[in-house]
Amino acid sequence: MEFVLRCNVLKCRKELNVSAIVTTCSHVFCSDCANQCQLSGQRDGQQRTCPACDAQLPNHDDVAVTDLNPTEDYKTSVLSGLGPNIIMECAGRALSFWAYQSTTEIVYQEYLAKNLTDKFSTLNAQMDKVIHDANSEISNLRNKIQNMQVDQDTLRRRNKELAQAFREKSKKQMQTQELYDKLKRRSLLGQVQDAASDAVDHTVQASVISSRFVDRVGNQPQNQAQRPTPPLFQHQSASSMQHPGGVGVGGTNVGPQIDHPRRVENAWAGFSSQGSNPRKTK
């Protein structure tokens, strides 16, 4: 690949194919950079300075415009009339300029390559670190997943055990509830029996009091005995005269017929035995 001259301003680096501005310090610039640095024309009292090496260019011939594509006539006449020594000296200096530009370009490219290599090494190290961190994170996540699977299996077994224990507890609770209901019914039945016994005792006492009252009425004069006796209870009315336990027609105190206490106790004992045997629940 043929070497191509470039503008020596680092921010420009433009390829030079048509014309260029060269200096005696072996630097070359494009026309735009030369105009910005005021190399193309010299003003009175102002010295020109090379933008690449800051060398002073006081002479008129220190800066020259060179045609990079000279015509055949220019090639014929440019060195015509000069002696061989001058021609060789001009050619040698021109070759030195070219060699300097080639060396400078090589150094610049090596500098760029070194910077790019350093950046690549840095990026490669960062990439390796990222890959290593990613692999470590993946390994940690896999370990966590395995641990979570083990925990999940443990929780499933625990859940099954708790469900089985819950079913057993529920079964025992139902049995306890059934036993409690039986005991409750038995307790209520006992209370009913006690209430019935109290009612029987109260009825017996009321009958005894009624008999004593009837006896007192029978001992009173005849005219008072003929008056109807007011009923002792609301359910007793005039039909009490016909009740077997009332007063006879002749004023004889017959008294109410009351069952024997032993007979009443036997009847309630039979009722208690029937209540204490409830139907068995399935």
Protein backbone atom coordinates (compact mmCIF):
# COMPACT_ATOMS: atom_id res chain seq x y z
CA MET A 1 0.00 0.00 0.00
CA GLU A 2 1.43 3.36 -1.05
CA PHE A 3 2.12 5.82 1.70
CA VAL A 4 -0.13 8.92 1.68
CA LEU A 5 0.78 12.22 3.25
CA ARG A 6 -1.57 13.53 5.95
CA CYS A 7 -1.94 16.91 7.59
CA ASN A 8 0.35 17.04 10.63
CA VAL A 9 -2.32 18.74 12.76
CA LEU A 10 -3.51 15.92 15.02
CA LYS A 11 -7.09 17.15 15.09
CA CYS A 12 -7.21 17.26 11.28
CA ARG A 13 -5.23 14.30 9.86
CA LYS A 14 -6.62 15.02 6.40
CA GLU A 15 -5.19 13.14 3.41
CA LEU A 16 -3.17 15.35 1.02
CA ASN A 17 -3.59 14.38 -2.63
CA VAL A 18 -3.62 17.62 -4.65
CA SER A 19 -1.54 20.27 -2.89
CA ALA A 20 0.10 20.83 0.48
CA ILE A 21 2.01 23.44 2.47
CA VAL A 22 5.43 22.22 3.54
CA THR A 23 7.90 23.77 5.98
CA THR A 24 11.65 23.59 6.41
CA CYS A 25 11.08 21.71 9.70
CA SER A 26 9.78 18.77 7.60
CA HIS A 27 6.07 19.20 8.37
CA VAL A 28 3.20 19.32 5.95
CA PHE A 29 -0.27 20.82 6.33
CA CYS A 30 -3.46 21.17 4.38
CA SER A 31 -4.48 24.54 3.02
CA ASP A 32 -7.27 24.99 5.60
CA CYS A 33 -4.98 24.43 8.60
CA ALA A 34 -2.28 26.61 6.97
CA ASN A 35 -4.73 29.47 6.58
CA GLN A 36 -5.92 29.09 10.20
CA CYS A 37 -2.30 29.14 11.41
CA GLN A 38 -1.44 31.98 8.99
CA LEU A 39 1.30 30.05 7.21
CA SER A 40 0.25 30.79 3.66
CA GLY A 41 1.08 34.50 3.84
CA GLN A 42 3.57 36.52 5.91
CA ARG A 43 2.54 39.86 7.37
CA ASP A 44 4.83 42.67 8.41
CA GLY A 45 6.07 42.34 11.96
CA GLN A 46 4.49 38.90 12.46
CA GLN A 47 6.56 35.74 12.58
CA ARG A 48 5.18 32.44 11.43
CA THR A 49 5.25 29.43 13.74
CA CYS A 50 4.92 25.75 12.84
CA PRO A 51 1.72 24.38 14.40
CA ALA A 52 3.31 20.92 14.82
CA CYS A 53 6.64 21.71 16.52
CA ASP A 54 6.29 25.45 17.27
CA ALA A 55 9.46 26.20 15.28
CA GLN A 56 9.97 29.76 14.08
CA LEU A 57 9.67 30.27 10.32
CA PRO A 58 11.07 33.79 9.71
CA ASN A 59 12.28 33.39 6.13
CA HIS A 60 10.10 33.66 3.07
CA ASP A 61 11.16 30.24 1.76
CA ASP A 62 10.57 28.47 5.09
CA VAL A 63 6.99 27.79 3.94
CA ALA A 64 6.24 26.64 0.40
CA VAL A 65 3.19 25.45 -1.47
CA THR A 66 3.84 22.15 -3.26
CA ASP A 67 1.83 20.59 -6.05
CA LEU A 68 1.55 16.89 -5.27
CA ASN A 69 0.51 16.03 -8.82
CA PRO A 70 2.96 18.06 -10.96
CA THR A 71 2.70 18.17 -14.71
CA GLU A 72 5.36 16.80 -17.02
CA ASP A 73 6.49 20.29 -17.92
CA TYR A 74 6.91 21.15 -14.25
CA LYS A 75 8.97 18.02 -13.70
CA THR A 76 11.17 19.02 -16.65
CA SER A 77 11.73 22.58 -15.62
CA VAL A 78 11.77 22.49 -11.84
CA LEU A 79 15.37 21.28 -11.55
CA SER A 80 16.59 22.35 -14.92
CA GLY A 81 19.71 24.49 -14.86
CA LEU A 82 20.80 23.26 -11.47
CA GLY A 83 24.07 21.47 -10.98
CA PRO A 84 24.21 17.79 -10.18
CA ASN A 85 25.27 18.48 -6.63
CA ILE A 86 22.35 20.81 -6.05
CA ILE A 87 20.00 18.36 -7.71
CA MET A 88 21.30 15.52 -5.51
CA GLU A 89 21.11 17.73 -2.44
CA CYS A 90 17.53 18.70 -3.25
CA ALA A 91 16.63 15.08 -3.90
CA GLY A 92 18.32 14.00 -0.66
CA ARG A 93 16.47 16.59 1.38
CA ALA A 94 13.21 15.62 -0.34
CA LEU A 95 13.86 11.96 0.53
CA SER A 96 14.68 12.93 4.12
CA PHE A 97 11.38 14.81 4.30
CA TRP A 98 9.54 11.77 2.99
CA ALA A 99 11.35 9.44 5.40
CA TYR A 100 10.53 11.76 8.32
CA GLN A 101 6.87 11.84 7.38
CA SER A 102 6.83 8.05 7.02
CA THR A 103 8.52 7.59 10.40
CA THR A 104 6.16 10.07 12.04
CA GLU A 105 3.17 8.25 10.58
CA ILE A 106 4.53 4.92 11.79
CA VAL A 107 5.09 6.30 15.29
CA TYR A 108 1.59 7.77 15.30
CA GLN A 109 0.06 4.49 14.17
CA GLU A 110 2.06 2.62 16.81
CA TYR A 111 0.78 5.05 19.41
CA LEU A 112 -2.78 4.47 18.25
CA ALA A 113 -2.21 0.72 18.23
CA LYS A 114 -0.78 0.86 21.75
CA ASN A 115 -3.76 2.87 22.98
CA LEU A 116 -6.16 0.52 21.27
CA THR A 117 -4.31 -2.47 22.73
CA ASP A 118 -4.47 -0.98 26.21
CA LYS A 119 -8.16 -0.25 25.79
CA PHE A 120 -8.72 -3.76 24.48
CA SER A 121 -6.80 -5.23 27.42
CA THR A 122 -8.82 -3.13 29.85
CA LEU A 123 -12.08 -4.08 28.18
CA ASN A 124 -10.99 -7.71 28.04
CA ALA A 125 -10.17 -7.66 31.75
CA GLN A 126 -13.51 -6.02 32.48
CA MET A 127 -15.26 -8.57 30.29
CA ASP A 128 -13.48 -11.42 32.08
CA LYS A 129 -14.47 -9.93 35.41
CA VAL A 130 -18.07 -9.56 34.25
CA ILE A 131 -18.08 -13.14 32.98
CA HIS A 132 -16.56 -14.39 36.23
CA ASP A 133 -19.09 -12.44 38.28
CA ALA A 134 -21.90 -13.69 36.07
CA ASN A 135 -20.74 -17.30 36.43
CA SER A 136 -20.44 -16.85 40.19
CA GLU A 137 -23.92 -15.36 40.33
CA ILE A 138 -25.29 -18.19 38.20
CA SER A 139 -23.65 -20.74 40.51
CA ASN A 140 -25.08 -19.01 43.56
CA LEU A 141 -28.54 -18.90 41.99
CA ARG A 142 -28.33 -22.58 41.09
CA ASN A 143 -27.35 -23.41 44.67
CA LYS A 144 -30.22 -21.29 45.94
CA ILE A 145 -32.62 -23.06 43.57
CA GLN A 146 -31.42 -26.45 44.79
CA ASN A 147 -31.77 -25.35 48.41
CA MET A 148 -35.23 -23.98 47.70
CA GLN A 149 -36.22 -27.27 46.07
CA VAL A 150 -35.00 -29.15 49.14
CA ASP A 151 -36.90 -26.74 51.38
CA GLN A 152 -39.97 -27.13 49.19
CA ASP A 153 -39.83 -30.92 49.47
CA THR A 154 -39.40 -30.59 53.24
CA LEU A 155 -42.36 -28.22 53.46
CA ARG A 156 -44.49 -30.56 51.36
CA ARG A 157 -43.72 -33.47 53.68
CA ARG A 158 -44.39 -31.25 56.67
CA ASN A 159 -47.66 -30.13 55.11
CA LYS A 160 -48.72 -33.74 54.58
CA GLU A 161 -47.82 -34.59 58.17
CA LEU A 162 -49.76 -31.59 59.46
CA ALA A 163 -52.75 -32.48 57.29
CA GLN A 164 -52.70 -36.05 58.62
CA ALA A 165 -52.38 -34.76 62.19
CA PHE A 166 -55.22 -32.32 61.54
CA ARG A 167 -57.47 -35.10 60.29
CA GLU A 168 -56.67 -37.19 63.37
CA LYS A 169 -57.28 -34.21 65.66
CA SER A 170 -60.55 -33.49 63.88
CA LYS A 171 -61.62 -37.10 64.31
CA LYS A 172 -60.76 -36.99 68.01
CA GLN A 173 -62.52 -33.65 68.35
CA MET A 174 -65.67 -35.12 66.79
CA GLN A 175 -65.51 -38.06 69.18
CA THR A 176 -65.02 -35.67 72.10
CA GLN A 177 -67.93 -33.55 70.87
CA GLU A 178 -70.16 -36.61 70.66
CA LEU A 179 -69.15 -37.64 74.18
CA TYR A 180 -69.79 -34.09 75.39
CA ASP A 181 -73.24 -34.09 73.77
CA LYS A 182 -74.07 -37.39 75.46
CA LEU A 183 -72.95 -36.06 78.83
CA LYS A 184 -74.89 -32.86 78.23
CA ARG A 185 -78.05 -34.78 77.41
CA ARG A 186 -77.54 -36.93 80.49
CA SER A 187 -77.05 -33.82 82.64
CA LEU A 188 -80.16 -32.21 81.18
CA LEU A 189 -82.08 -35.41 81.80
CA GLY A 190 -80.94 -35.38 85.43
CA GLN A 191 -82.10 -31.78 85.76
CA VAL A 192 -85.47 -32.72 84.27
CA GLN A 193 -85.75 -35.58 86.74
CA ASP A 194 -84.91 -33.27 89.63
CA ALA A 195 -87.47 -30.74 88.42
CA ALA A 196 -90.11 -33.46 88.08
CA SER A 197 -89.33 -34.76 91.56
CA ASP A 198 -89.67 -31.24 92.95
CA ALA A 199 -92.98 -30.86 91.14
CA VAL A 200 -94.24 -34.14 92.63
CA ASP A 201 -93.18 -33.06 96.11
CA HIS A 202 -94.90 -29.73 95.64
CA THR A 203 -98.07 -31.48 94.46
CA VAL A 204 -98.02 -33.81 97.48
CA GLN A 205 -97.59 -30.89 99.85
CA ALA A 206 -100.41 -29.00 98.14
CA SER A 207 -102.67 -32.06 98.46
CA VAL A 208 -101.90 -32.37 102.16
CA ILE A 209 -102.68 -28.68 102.74
CA SER A 210 -105.91 -29.07 100.78
CA SER A 211 -106.93 -32.07 102.92
CA ARG A 212 -106.34 -30.10 106.11
CA PHE A 213 -108.38 -27.21 104.77
CA VAL A 214 -111.25 -29.54 103.89
CA ASP A 215 -111.15 -31.03 107.39
CA ARG A 216 -111.48 -27.57 108.95
CA VAL A 217 -114.40 -26.76 106.69
CA GLY A 218 -116.16 -30.01 107.66
CA ASN A 219 -116.02 -29.11 111.36
CA GLN A 220 -117.80 -25.75 110.81
CA PRO A 221 -121.70 -25.38 111.26
CA GLN A 222 -124.03 -26.97 108.75
CA ASN A 223 -125.03 -23.74 107.09
CA GLN A 224 -121.44 -22.82 106.46
CA ALA A 225 -120.60 -26.35 105.36
CA GLN A 226 -123.26 -26.17 102.67
CA ARG A 227 -121.47 -23.21 101.04
CA PRO A 228 -119.31 -24.29 98.17
CA THR A 229 -115.63 -24.27 98.98
CA PRO A 230 -113.60 -22.07 96.69
CA PRO A 231 -111.18 -24.05 94.53
CA LEU A 232 -107.64 -24.15 95.81
CA PHE A 233 -106.11 -24.11 92.32
CA GLN A 234 -107.18 -22.63 89.02
CA HIS A 235 -107.59 -26.04 87.41
CA GLN A 236 -109.91 -27.18 90.18
CA SER A 237 -113.52 -26.14 89.56
CA ALA A 238 -116.94 -27.39 90.43
CA SER A 239 -115.95 -30.71 89.02
CA SER A 240 -113.80 -31.20 92.12
CA MET A 241 -117.00 -32.29 93.84
CA GLN A 242 -116.92 -35.27 91.52
CA HIS A 243 -113.15 -35.83 91.96
CA PRO A 244 -112.32 -38.88 93.98
CA GLY A 245 -110.22 -36.76 96.30
CA GLY A 246 -112.98 -34.16 97.06
CA VAL A 247 -115.66 -33.92 99.78
CA GLY A 248 -118.49 -36.45 99.60
CA VAL A 249 -122.11 -35.60 99.24
CA GLY A 250 -122.73 -36.21 102.89
CA GLY A 251 -119.88 -33.92 103.90
CA THR A 252 -117.60 -36.81 104.51
CA ASN A 253 -113.91 -35.95 103.97
CA VAL A 254 -112.67 -38.51 101.50
CA GLY A 255 -109.42 -36.64 100.56
CA PRO A 256 -107.58 -36.70 97.24
CA GLN A 257 -106.28 -39.97 95.97
CA ILE A 258 -102.48 -39.71 95.71
CA ASP A 259 -100.27 -42.36 94.24
CA HIS A 260 -97.96 -44.07 96.56
CA PRO A 261 -94.47 -42.44 96.63
CA ARG A 262 -92.81 -45.76 95.85
CA ARG A 263 -94.94 -46.09 92.72
CA VAL A 264 -94.00 -42.57 91.58
CA GLU A 265 -90.29 -43.24 92.10
CA ASN A 266 -90.52 -46.43 90.03
CA ALA A 267 -92.20 -44.54 87.19
CA TRP A 268 -89.50 -41.81 87.11
CA ALA A 269 -86.77 -44.44 87.34
CA GLY A 270 -88.12 -46.07 84.18
CA PHE A 271 -88.16 -42.67 82.41
CA SER A 272 -84.55 -42.05 83.53
CA SER A 273 -83.41 -45.42 82.19
CA GLN A 274 -84.98 -44.61 78.80
CA GLY A 275 -83.34 -41.14 78.67
CA SER A 276 -79.89 -42.39 79.67
CA ASN A 277 -79.72 -44.68 76.59
CA PRO A 278 -79.77 -42.28 73.62
CA ARG A 279 -79.49 -43.62 70.10
CA LYS A 280 -75.95 -44.20 69.02
CA THR A 281 -74.72 -41.88 66.31
CA LYS A 282 -72.92 -43.45 63.42
